All heavy atoms as atom14 arrays in JSON, in Angstrom:
{
  "sequence": "PGQVHDPVTMAAWVTAFRSSFESGTFRPLIGPLGVDDLLFCHWEF",
  "atom14_mask": [
    [1, 1, 1, 1, 1, 1, 1, 0, 0, 0, 0, 0, 0, 0],
    [1, 1, 1, 1, 0, 0, 0, 0, 0, 0, 0, 0, 0, 0],
    [1, 1, 1, 1, 1, 1, 1, 1, 1, 0, 0, 0, 0, 0],
    [1, 1, 1, 1, 1, 1, 1, 0, 0, 0, 0, 0, 0, 0],
    [1, 1, 1, 1, 1, 1, 1, 1, 1, 1, 0, 0, 0, 0],
    [1, 1, 1, 1, 1, 1, 1, 1, 0, 0, 0, 0, 0, 0],
    [1, 1, 1, 1, 1, 1, 1, 0, 0, 0, 0, 0, 0, 0],
    [1, 1, 1, 1, 1, 1, 1, 0, 0, 0, 0, 0, 0, 0],
    [1, 1, 1, 1, 1, 1, 1, 0, 0, 0, 0, 0, 0, 0],
    [1, 1, 1, 1, 1, 1, 1, 1, 0, 0, 0, 0, 0, 0],
    [1, 1, 1, 1, 1, 0, 0, 0, 0, 0, 0, 0, 0, 0],
    [1, 1, 1, 1, 1, 0, 0, 0, 0, 0, 0, 0, 0, 0],
    [1, 1, 1, 1, 1, 1, 1, 1, 1, 1, 1, 1, 1, 1],
    [1, 1, 1, 1, 1, 1, 1, 0, 0, 0, 0, 0, 0, 0],
    [1, 1, 1, 1, 1, 1, 1, 0, 0, 0, 0, 0, 0, 0],
    [1, 1, 1, 1, 1, 0, 0, 0, 0, 0, 0, 0, 0, 0],
    [1, 1, 1, 1, 1, 1, 1, 1, 1, 1, 1, 0, 0, 0],
    [1, 1, 1, 1, 1, 1, 1, 1, 1, 1, 1, 0, 0, 0],
    [1, 1, 1, 1, 1, 1, 0, 0, 0, 0, 0, 0, 0, 0],
    [1, 1, 1, 1, 1, 1, 0, 0, 0, 0, 0, 0, 0, 0],
    [1, 1, 1, 1, 1, 1, 1, 1, 1, 1, 1, 0, 0, 0],
    [1, 1, 1, 1, 1, 1, 1, 1, 1, 0, 0, 0, 0, 0],
    [1, 1, 1, 1, 1, 1, 0, 0, 0, 0, 0, 0, 0, 0],
    [1, 1, 1, 1, 0, 0, 0, 0, 0, 0, 0, 0, 0, 0],
    [1, 1, 1, 1, 1, 1, 1, 0, 0, 0, 0, 0, 0, 0],
    [1, 1, 1, 1, 1, 1, 1, 1, 1, 1, 1, 0, 0, 0],
    [1, 1, 1, 1, 1, 1, 1, 1, 1, 1, 1, 0, 0, 0],
    [1, 1, 1, 1, 1, 1, 1, 0, 0, 0, 0, 0, 0, 0],
    [1, 1, 1, 1, 1, 1, 1, 1, 0, 0, 0, 0, 0, 0],
    [1, 1, 1, 1, 1, 1, 1, 1, 0, 0, 0, 0, 0, 0],
    [1, 1, 1, 1, 0, 0, 0, 0, 0, 0, 0, 0, 0, 0],
    [1, 1, 1, 1, 1, 1, 1, 0, 0, 0, 0, 0, 0, 0],
    [1, 1, 1, 1, 1, 1, 1, 1, 0, 0, 0, 0, 0, 0],
    [1, 1, 1, 1, 0, 0, 0, 0, 0, 0, 0, 0, 0, 0],
    [1, 1, 1, 1, 1, 1, 1, 0, 0, 0, 0, 0, 0, 0],
    [1, 1, 1, 1, 1, 1, 1, 1, 0, 0, 0, 0, 0, 0],
    [1, 1, 1, 1, 1, 1, 1, 1, 0, 0, 0, 0, 0, 0],
    [1, 1, 1, 1, 1, 1, 1, 1, 0, 0, 0, 0, 0, 0],
    [1, 1, 1, 1, 1, 1, 1, 1, 0, 0, 0, 0, 0, 0],
    [1, 1, 1, 1, 1, 1, 1, 1, 1, 1, 1, 0, 0, 0],
    [1, 1, 1, 1, 1, 1, 0, 0, 0, 0, 0, 0, 0, 0],
    [1, 1, 1, 1, 1, 1, 1, 1, 1, 1, 0, 0, 0, 0],
    [1, 1, 1, 1, 1, 1, 1, 1, 1, 1, 1, 1, 1, 1],
    [1, 1, 1, 1, 1, 1, 1, 1, 1, 0, 0, 0, 0, 0],
    [1, 1, 1, 1, 1, 1, 1, 1, 1, 1, 1, 0, 0, 0]
  ],
  "atom14_positions": [
    [[-2.9, 15.0, 5.31], [-4.02, 14.27, 6.09], [-5.36, 14.51, 5.32], [-5.59, 15.7, 4.91], [-4.05, 14.89, 7.47], [-2.69, 15.41, 7.72], [-2.25, 15.92, 6.33], [0.0, 0.0, 0.0], [0.0, 0.0, 0.0], [0.0, 0.0, 0.0], [0.0, 0.0, 0.0], [0.0, 0.0, 0.0], [0.0, 0.0, 0.0], [0.0, 0.0, 0.0]],
    [[-6.12, 13.51, 5.15], [-7.43, 13.66, 4.47], [-7.45, 13.57, 3.07], [-8.56, 13.44, 2.5], [0.0, 0.0, 0.0], [0.0, 0.0, 0.0], [0.0, 0.0, 0.0], [0.0, 0.0, 0.0], [0.0, 0.0, 0.0], [0.0, 0.0, 0.0], [0.0, 0.0, 0.0], [0.0, 0.0, 0.0], [0.0, 0.0, 0.0], [0.0, 0.0, 0.0]],
    [[-6.31, 13.72, 2.3], [-6.22, 13.78, 0.85], [-6.61, 12.26, 0.35], [-7.08, 12.21, -0.81], [-4.99, 14.27, 0.39], [-5.01, 14.35, -1.14], [-3.63, 15.01, -1.62], [-3.25, 15.91, -0.97], [-3.17, 14.61, -2.71], [0.0, 0.0, 0.0], [0.0, 0.0, 0.0], [0.0, 0.0, 0.0], [0.0, 0.0, 0.0], [0.0, 0.0, 0.0]],
    [[-6.32, 11.33, 1.01], [-6.41, 9.92, 0.5], [-7.63, 9.37, 1.27], [-7.53, 9.03, 2.51], [-5.33, 9.0, 0.68], [-5.64, 7.64, 0.09], [-4.13, 9.54, -0.1], [0.0, 0.0, 0.0], [0.0, 0.0, 0.0], [0.0, 0.0, 0.0], [0.0, 0.0, 0.0], [0.0, 0.0, 0.0], [0.0, 0.0, 0.0], [0.0, 0.0, 0.0]],
    [[-8.9, 9.36, 0.78], [-10.04, 9.13, 1.57], [-11.18, 8.23, 0.88], [-12.24, 8.03, 1.5], [-10.74, 10.44, 1.98], [-11.01, 11.31, 0.85], [-12.12, 11.21, 0.18], [-10.37, 12.28, 0.22], [-12.26, 12.0, -0.96], [-11.14, 12.65, -0.83], [0.0, 0.0, 0.0], [0.0, 0.0, 0.0], [0.0, 0.0, 0.0], [0.0, 0.0, 0.0]],
    [[-10.9, 7.64, -0.34], [-11.79, 6.81, -1.02], [-10.99, 6.07, -2.06], [-9.83, 6.26, -2.28], [-13.0, 7.6, -1.66], [-12.58, 8.7, -2.6], [-11.44, 8.63, -3.21], [-13.39, 9.6, -2.91], [0.0, 0.0, 0.0], [0.0, 0.0, 0.0], [0.0, 0.0, 0.0], [0.0, 0.0, 0.0], [0.0, 0.0, 0.0], [0.0, 0.0, 0.0]],
    [[-11.8, 5.2, -2.93], [-11.07, 4.44, -3.82], [-10.35, 5.31, -4.99], [-9.15, 4.9, -5.4], [-12.19, 3.59, -4.5], [-13.34, 3.44, -3.46], [-13.25, 4.72, -2.66], [0.0, 0.0, 0.0], [0.0, 0.0, 0.0], [0.0, 0.0, 0.0], [0.0, 0.0, 0.0], [0.0, 0.0, 0.0], [0.0, 0.0, 0.0], [0.0, 0.0, 0.0]],
    [[-11.05, 6.36, -5.3], [-10.38, 7.09, -6.5], [-9.18, 7.91, -5.94], [-8.03, 7.83, -6.52], [-11.35, 8.21, -6.92], [-10.75, 9.16, -7.92], [-12.58, 7.43, -7.63], [0.0, 0.0, 0.0], [0.0, 0.0, 0.0], [0.0, 0.0, 0.0], [0.0, 0.0, 0.0], [0.0, 0.0, 0.0], [0.0, 0.0, 0.0], [0.0, 0.0, 0.0]],
    [[-9.06, 8.42, -4.81], [-7.89, 9.16, -4.24], [-6.82, 8.16, -3.94], [-5.67, 8.49, -4.03], [-8.3, 10.0, -3.03], [-9.0, 9.28, -2.08], [-9.22, 11.26, -3.57], [0.0, 0.0, 0.0], [0.0, 0.0, 0.0], [0.0, 0.0, 0.0], [0.0, 0.0, 0.0], [0.0, 0.0, 0.0], [0.0, 0.0, 0.0], [0.0, 0.0, 0.0]],
    [[-7.19, 6.96, -3.38], [-6.24, 5.85, -3.22], [-5.51, 5.41, -4.49], [-4.32, 5.42, -4.59], [-6.85, 4.7, -2.46], [-5.86, 3.42, -2.32], [-4.43, 3.79, -1.21], [-5.05, 3.38, 0.31], [0.0, 0.0, 0.0], [0.0, 0.0, 0.0], [0.0, 0.0, 0.0], [0.0, 0.0, 0.0], [0.0, 0.0, 0.0], [0.0, 0.0, 0.0]],
    [[-6.29, 5.24, -5.57], [-5.73, 4.79, -6.78], [-4.79, 6.04, -7.35], [-3.75, 5.64, -7.78], [-6.81, 4.6, -7.85], [0.0, 0.0, 0.0], [0.0, 0.0, 0.0], [0.0, 0.0, 0.0], [0.0, 0.0, 0.0], [0.0, 0.0, 0.0], [0.0, 0.0, 0.0], [0.0, 0.0, 0.0], [0.0, 0.0, 0.0], [0.0, 0.0, 0.0]],
    [[-5.21, 7.21, -7.19], [-4.32, 8.45, -7.53], [-3.09, 8.39, -6.9], [-2.02, 8.69, -7.38], [-5.13, 9.75, -7.45], [0.0, 0.0, 0.0], [0.0, 0.0, 0.0], [0.0, 0.0, 0.0], [0.0, 0.0, 0.0], [0.0, 0.0, 0.0], [0.0, 0.0, 0.0], [0.0, 0.0, 0.0], [0.0, 0.0, 0.0], [0.0, 0.0, 0.0]],
    [[-3.11, 8.22, -5.41], [-1.84, 8.17, -4.68], [-0.9, 7.06, -5.07], [0.3, 7.26, -5.21], [-2.34, 7.99, -3.24], [-1.06, 8.04, -2.35], [0.07, 8.57, -2.35], [-1.0, 7.15, -1.03], [0.88, 8.2, -1.37], [0.24, 7.34, -0.5], [-1.9, 6.26, -0.51], [0.67, 6.74, 0.62], [-1.39, 5.72, 0.69], [-0.18, 5.98, 1.35]],
    [[-1.46, 5.89, -5.3], [-0.57, 4.77, -5.69], [-0.04, 5.02, -7.06], [1.16, 4.77, -7.23], [-1.54, 3.38, -5.75], [-0.69, 2.27, -6.36], [-1.92, 3.1, -4.38], [0.0, 0.0, 0.0], [0.0, 0.0, 0.0], [0.0, 0.0, 0.0], [0.0, 0.0, 0.0], [0.0, 0.0, 0.0], [0.0, 0.0, 0.0], [0.0, 0.0, 0.0]],
    [[-0.81, 5.58, -7.99], [-0.31, 6.01, -9.3], [0.83, 6.94, -9.22], [1.91, 6.75, -9.8], [-1.5, 6.46, -10.26], [-2.37, 5.39, -10.34], [-0.93, 6.97, -11.54], [0.0, 0.0, 0.0], [0.0, 0.0, 0.0], [0.0, 0.0, 0.0], [0.0, 0.0, 0.0], [0.0, 0.0, 0.0], [0.0, 0.0, 0.0], [0.0, 0.0, 0.0]],
    [[0.57, 7.98, -8.34], [1.74, 8.93, -8.17], [2.93, 8.31, -7.62], [4.1, 8.67, -8.04], [1.13, 10.09, -7.19], [0.0, 0.0, 0.0], [0.0, 0.0, 0.0], [0.0, 0.0, 0.0], [0.0, 0.0, 0.0], [0.0, 0.0, 0.0], [0.0, 0.0, 0.0], [0.0, 0.0, 0.0], [0.0, 0.0, 0.0], [0.0, 0.0, 0.0]],
    [[2.84, 7.51, -6.6], [3.92, 6.8, -6.03], [4.77, 5.9, -7.1], [5.89, 5.99, -7.23], [3.66, 5.75, -4.9], [4.69, 4.99, -4.38], [5.68, 5.54, -3.51], [4.91, 3.64, -4.86], [6.73, 4.73, -3.02], [5.89, 2.93, -4.43], [6.85, 3.46, -3.57], [0.0, 0.0, 0.0], [0.0, 0.0, 0.0], [0.0, 0.0, 0.0]],
    [[3.95, 5.17, -7.91], [4.5, 4.37, -8.98], [5.23, 5.11, -10.04], [6.22, 4.58, -10.66], [3.53, 3.48, -9.6], [2.71, 2.48, -8.63], [3.45, 1.27, -8.15], [4.12, 0.66, -9.22], [5.1, -0.35, -8.89], [5.38, -0.62, -7.72], [5.78, -0.91, -9.93], [0.0, 0.0, 0.0], [0.0, 0.0, 0.0], [0.0, 0.0, 0.0]],
    [[4.82, 6.43, -10.23], [5.35, 7.17, -11.32], [6.9, 7.55, -10.96], [7.61, 7.99, -11.89], [4.48, 8.39, -11.56], [4.72, 9.38, -10.44], [0.0, 0.0, 0.0], [0.0, 0.0, 0.0], [0.0, 0.0, 0.0], [0.0, 0.0, 0.0], [0.0, 0.0, 0.0], [0.0, 0.0, 0.0], [0.0, 0.0, 0.0], [0.0, 0.0, 0.0]],
    [[7.15, 7.49, -9.77], [8.63, 7.72, -9.35], [9.59, 6.58, -9.66], [10.81, 6.77, -9.43], [8.63, 8.01, -7.87], [7.85, 9.23, -7.55], [0.0, 0.0, 0.0], [0.0, 0.0, 0.0], [0.0, 0.0, 0.0], [0.0, 0.0, 0.0], [0.0, 0.0, 0.0], [0.0, 0.0, 0.0], [0.0, 0.0, 0.0], [0.0, 0.0, 0.0]],
    [[9.06, 5.45, -10.12], [9.93, 4.35, -10.35], [9.66, 3.6, -11.72], [8.56, 3.49, -12.18], [9.55, 3.19, -9.24], [9.82, 3.8, -7.82], [8.72, 4.37, -7.13], [10.92, 3.75, -7.27], [8.99, 4.97, -5.92], [11.24, 4.3, -6.05], [10.26, 4.85, -5.38], [0.0, 0.0, 0.0], [0.0, 0.0, 0.0], [0.0, 0.0, 0.0]],
    [[10.78, 3.26, -12.35], [10.78, 2.52, -13.56], [10.21, 1.16, -13.29], [9.39, 0.66, -14.29], [12.09, 2.46, -14.23], [12.73, 3.69, -14.69], [14.16, 3.62, -15.28], [14.54, 2.52, -15.62], [14.8, 4.65, -15.13], [0.0, 0.0, 0.0], [0.0, 0.0, 0.0], [0.0, 0.0, 0.0], [0.0, 0.0, 0.0], [0.0, 0.0, 0.0]],
    [[10.53, 0.52, -12.23], [10.02, -0.81, -11.86], [10.05, -0.75, -10.35], [10.76, -0.04, -9.63], [10.86, -1.86, -12.5], [12.13, -1.82, -11.99], [0.0, 0.0, 0.0], [0.0, 0.0, 0.0], [0.0, 0.0, 0.0], [0.0, 0.0, 0.0], [0.0, 0.0, 0.0], [0.0, 0.0, 0.0], [0.0, 0.0, 0.0], [0.0, 0.0, 0.0]],
    [[9.26, -1.62, -9.71], [9.37, -1.69, -8.31], [8.41, -2.86, -7.85], [7.28, -2.95, -8.56], [0.0, 0.0, 0.0], [0.0, 0.0, 0.0], [0.0, 0.0, 0.0], [0.0, 0.0, 0.0], [0.0, 0.0, 0.0], [0.0, 0.0, 0.0], [0.0, 0.0, 0.0], [0.0, 0.0, 0.0], [0.0, 0.0, 0.0], [0.0, 0.0, 0.0]],
    [[8.65, -3.38, -6.79], [7.89, -4.43, -6.25], [7.72, -4.44, -4.65], [8.77, -4.22, -3.97], [8.39, -5.88, -6.55], [8.46, -5.99, -8.09], [7.49, -7.02, -6.12], [0.0, 0.0, 0.0], [0.0, 0.0, 0.0], [0.0, 0.0, 0.0], [0.0, 0.0, 0.0], [0.0, 0.0, 0.0], [0.0, 0.0, 0.0], [0.0, 0.0, 0.0]],
    [[6.54, -4.43, -4.11], [6.25, -4.77, -2.67], [6.21, -6.15, -2.51], [5.44, -6.82, -3.23], [4.99, -4.08, -2.28], [5.1, -2.5, -2.15], [4.75, -1.79, -3.27], [5.46, -2.03, -1.06], [4.86, -0.37, -3.24], [5.51, -0.57, -0.8], [5.2, 0.25, -1.91], [0.0, 0.0, 0.0], [0.0, 0.0, 0.0], [0.0, 0.0, 0.0]],
    [[6.85, -6.68, -1.47], [6.73, -8.09, -1.14], [6.63, -8.27, 0.27], [7.35, -7.53, 1.05], [7.8, -8.95, -1.75], [9.19, -8.73, -1.07], [10.23, -9.56, -1.74], [11.46, -9.37, -1.07], [11.93, -10.13, -0.04], [11.16, -11.13, 0.52], [13.12, -9.84, 0.61], [0.0, 0.0, 0.0], [0.0, 0.0, 0.0], [0.0, 0.0, 0.0]],
    [[5.82, -9.09, 0.78], [5.5, -9.37, 2.27], [6.89, -9.9, 2.99], [7.44, -10.98, 2.26], [4.46, -10.32, 2.46], [3.78, -10.38, 1.02], [4.81, -9.97, 0.08], [0.0, 0.0, 0.0], [0.0, 0.0, 0.0], [0.0, 0.0, 0.0], [0.0, 0.0, 0.0], [0.0, 0.0, 0.0], [0.0, 0.0, 0.0], [0.0, 0.0, 0.0]],
    [[7.34, -9.51, 3.94], [8.35, -10.1, 4.77], [7.91, -10.93, 6.02], [8.27, -12.03, 6.16], [9.3, -9.13, 5.3], [10.14, -8.25, 4.19], [10.95, -7.12, 4.88], [10.98, -9.13, 3.4], [0.0, 0.0, 0.0], [0.0, 0.0, 0.0], [0.0, 0.0, 0.0], [0.0, 0.0, 0.0], [0.0, 0.0, 0.0], [0.0, 0.0, 0.0]],
    [[6.72, -10.34, 6.57], [6.02, -11.07, 7.71], [4.61, -10.75, 7.44], [4.19, -9.52, 7.27], [6.44, -10.59, 9.05], [7.89, -10.82, 9.23], [5.58, -11.23, 10.08], [8.4, -10.06, 10.51], [0.0, 0.0, 0.0], [0.0, 0.0, 0.0], [0.0, 0.0, 0.0], [0.0, 0.0, 0.0], [0.0, 0.0, 0.0], [0.0, 0.0, 0.0]],
    [[3.73, -11.75, 7.31], [2.3, -11.64, 7.19], [1.78, -11.89, 5.83], [2.61, -12.24, 4.9], [0.0, 0.0, 0.0], [0.0, 0.0, 0.0], [0.0, 0.0, 0.0], [0.0, 0.0, 0.0], [0.0, 0.0, 0.0], [0.0, 0.0, 0.0], [0.0, 0.0, 0.0], [0.0, 0.0, 0.0], [0.0, 0.0, 0.0], [0.0, 0.0, 0.0]],
    [[0.65, -11.63, 5.55], [-0.33, -10.81, 6.38], [-0.75, -11.72, 7.58], [-0.97, -12.92, 7.54], [-1.46, -10.48, 5.52], [-1.44, -11.49, 4.55], [-0.11, -11.96, 4.17], [0.0, 0.0, 0.0], [0.0, 0.0, 0.0], [0.0, 0.0, 0.0], [0.0, 0.0, 0.0], [0.0, 0.0, 0.0], [0.0, 0.0, 0.0], [0.0, 0.0, 0.0]],
    [[-0.97, -11.07, 8.74], [-1.55, -11.66, 9.89], [-2.9, -10.99, 10.21], [-2.97, -9.77, 10.08], [-0.49, -11.43, 11.11], [0.92, -12.01, 10.88], [1.8, -11.57, 11.99], [0.93, -13.46, 10.7], [0.0, 0.0, 0.0], [0.0, 0.0, 0.0], [0.0, 0.0, 0.0], [0.0, 0.0, 0.0], [0.0, 0.0, 0.0], [0.0, 0.0, 0.0]],
    [[-3.77, -11.8, 10.78], [-5.18, -11.29, 10.98], [-5.41, -11.37, 12.48], [-5.11, -12.4, 13.04], [0.0, 0.0, 0.0], [0.0, 0.0, 0.0], [0.0, 0.0, 0.0], [0.0, 0.0, 0.0], [0.0, 0.0, 0.0], [0.0, 0.0, 0.0], [0.0, 0.0, 0.0], [0.0, 0.0, 0.0], [0.0, 0.0, 0.0], [0.0, 0.0, 0.0]],
    [[-5.9, -10.35, 13.03], [-6.41, -10.24, 14.39], [-7.85, -9.58, 14.27], [-7.77, -8.27, 13.92], [-5.44, -9.6, 15.4], [-6.09, -9.42, 16.74], [-4.12, -10.34, 15.44], [0.0, 0.0, 0.0], [0.0, 0.0, 0.0], [0.0, 0.0, 0.0], [0.0, 0.0, 0.0], [0.0, 0.0, 0.0], [0.0, 0.0, 0.0], [0.0, 0.0, 0.0]],
    [[-8.86, -10.1, 14.67], [-10.14, -9.62, 14.61], [-10.39, -9.02, 13.14], [-10.28, -9.66, 12.15], [-10.37, -8.52, 15.63], [-10.4, -9.1, 17.1], [-10.78, -10.34, 17.17], [-9.79, -8.48, 18.06], [0.0, 0.0, 0.0], [0.0, 0.0, 0.0], [0.0, 0.0, 0.0], [0.0, 0.0, 0.0], [0.0, 0.0, 0.0], [0.0, 0.0, 0.0]],
    [[-10.66, -7.63, 12.99], [-10.93, -7.17, 11.7], [-9.69, -6.4, 11.07], [-9.9, -5.57, 10.19], [-12.12, -6.19, 11.78], [-11.89, -4.97, 12.65], [-10.97, -5.01, 13.35], [-12.72, -4.08, 12.56], [0.0, 0.0, 0.0], [0.0, 0.0, 0.0], [0.0, 0.0, 0.0], [0.0, 0.0, 0.0], [0.0, 0.0, 0.0], [0.0, 0.0, 0.0]],
    [[-8.47, -6.7, 11.64], [-7.26, -6.08, 11.2], [-6.39, -7.1, 10.54], [-6.22, -8.13, 10.87], [-6.54, -5.41, 12.3], [-7.28, -4.35, 13.05], [-6.48, -3.99, 14.47], [-7.53, -3.07, 12.32], [0.0, 0.0, 0.0], [0.0, 0.0, 0.0], [0.0, 0.0, 0.0], [0.0, 0.0, 0.0], [0.0, 0.0, 0.0], [0.0, 0.0, 0.0]],
    [[-5.63, -6.58, 9.38], [-4.53, -7.26, 8.82], [-3.36, -6.46, 9.02], [-3.34, -5.27, 8.79], [-4.95, -7.41, 7.3], [-5.93, -8.43, 6.78], [-6.13, -8.27, 5.32], [-5.35, -9.79, 7.0], [0.0, 0.0, 0.0], [0.0, 0.0, 0.0], [0.0, 0.0, 0.0], [0.0, 0.0, 0.0], [0.0, 0.0, 0.0], [0.0, 0.0, 0.0]],
    [[-2.21, -7.21, 9.2], [-0.9, -6.62, 9.44], [0.09, -7.29, 8.52], [0.05, -8.38, 8.21], [-0.46, -6.83, 10.78], [-1.28, -6.44, 11.98], [-2.42, -7.19, 12.29], [-1.0, -5.19, 12.48], [-3.22, -6.72, 13.38], [-1.87, -4.75, 13.68], [-2.98, -5.49, 13.98], [0.0, 0.0, 0.0], [0.0, 0.0, 0.0], [0.0, 0.0, 0.0]],
    [[0.95, -6.46, 7.86], [2.0, -7.01, 7.04], [3.3, -6.09, 7.12], [3.16, -4.82, 6.99], [1.5, -7.07, 5.52], [2.8, -7.9, 4.52], [0.0, 0.0, 0.0], [0.0, 0.0, 0.0], [0.0, 0.0, 0.0], [0.0, 0.0, 0.0], [0.0, 0.0, 0.0], [0.0, 0.0, 0.0], [0.0, 0.0, 0.0], [0.0, 0.0, 0.0]],
    [[4.4, -6.77, 7.31], [5.69, -6.08, 7.2], [6.21, -6.39, 5.79], [6.18, -7.51, 5.48], [6.74, -6.61, 8.22], [7.99, -5.9, 8.29], [9.18, -6.54, 8.15], [8.36, -4.63, 8.11], [10.12, -5.78, 8.14], [9.7, -4.54, 8.19], [0.0, 0.0, 0.0], [0.0, 0.0, 0.0], [0.0, 0.0, 0.0], [0.0, 0.0, 0.0]],
    [[6.49, -5.16, 5.05], [6.8, -5.55, 3.66], [8.14, -4.84, 3.43], [8.75, -4.02, 4.0], [5.68, -4.87, 2.75], [5.22, -3.47, 3.09], [4.13, -3.13, 3.84], [5.89, -2.17, 2.85], [4.04, -1.77, 4.03], [5.12, -1.23, 3.35], [7.08, -1.94, 2.13], [5.56, 0.08, 3.37], [7.45, -0.53, 1.95], [6.62, 0.42, 2.67]],
    [[8.57, -5.14, 2.16], [9.88, -4.46, 1.63], [9.45, -4.03, 0.16], [8.73, -4.74, -0.63], [10.93, -5.46, 1.47], [12.23, -4.9, 0.9], [13.3, -5.89, 0.8], [12.99, -7.01, 0.26], [14.38, -5.59, 1.35], [0.0, 0.0, 0.0], [0.0, 0.0, 0.0], [0.0, 0.0, 0.0], [0.0, 0.0, 0.0], [0.0, 0.0, 0.0]],
    [[9.88, -2.85, -0.22], [9.83, -2.33, -1.58], [11.17, -2.3, -2.1], [12.14, -1.73, -1.54], [9.21, -0.92, -1.52], [9.19, -0.34, -3.02], [8.18, -0.68, -3.87], [10.18, 0.46, -3.4], [8.13, -0.12, -5.11], [10.12, 1.05, -4.68], [9.18, 0.62, -5.48], [0.0, 0.0, 0.0], [0.0, 0.0, 0.0], [0.0, 0.0, 0.0]]
  ]
}
């Protein structure tokens, strides 16, 4: 908790996740849907 808290730490986390895969794709299954200031998406990797 708290380790991902700004653009730089988000980019580092995404990079670390991607480093575990030779290839990979996230794709939306449902959404994105918007309500007020929120976006929701059910995805598959």
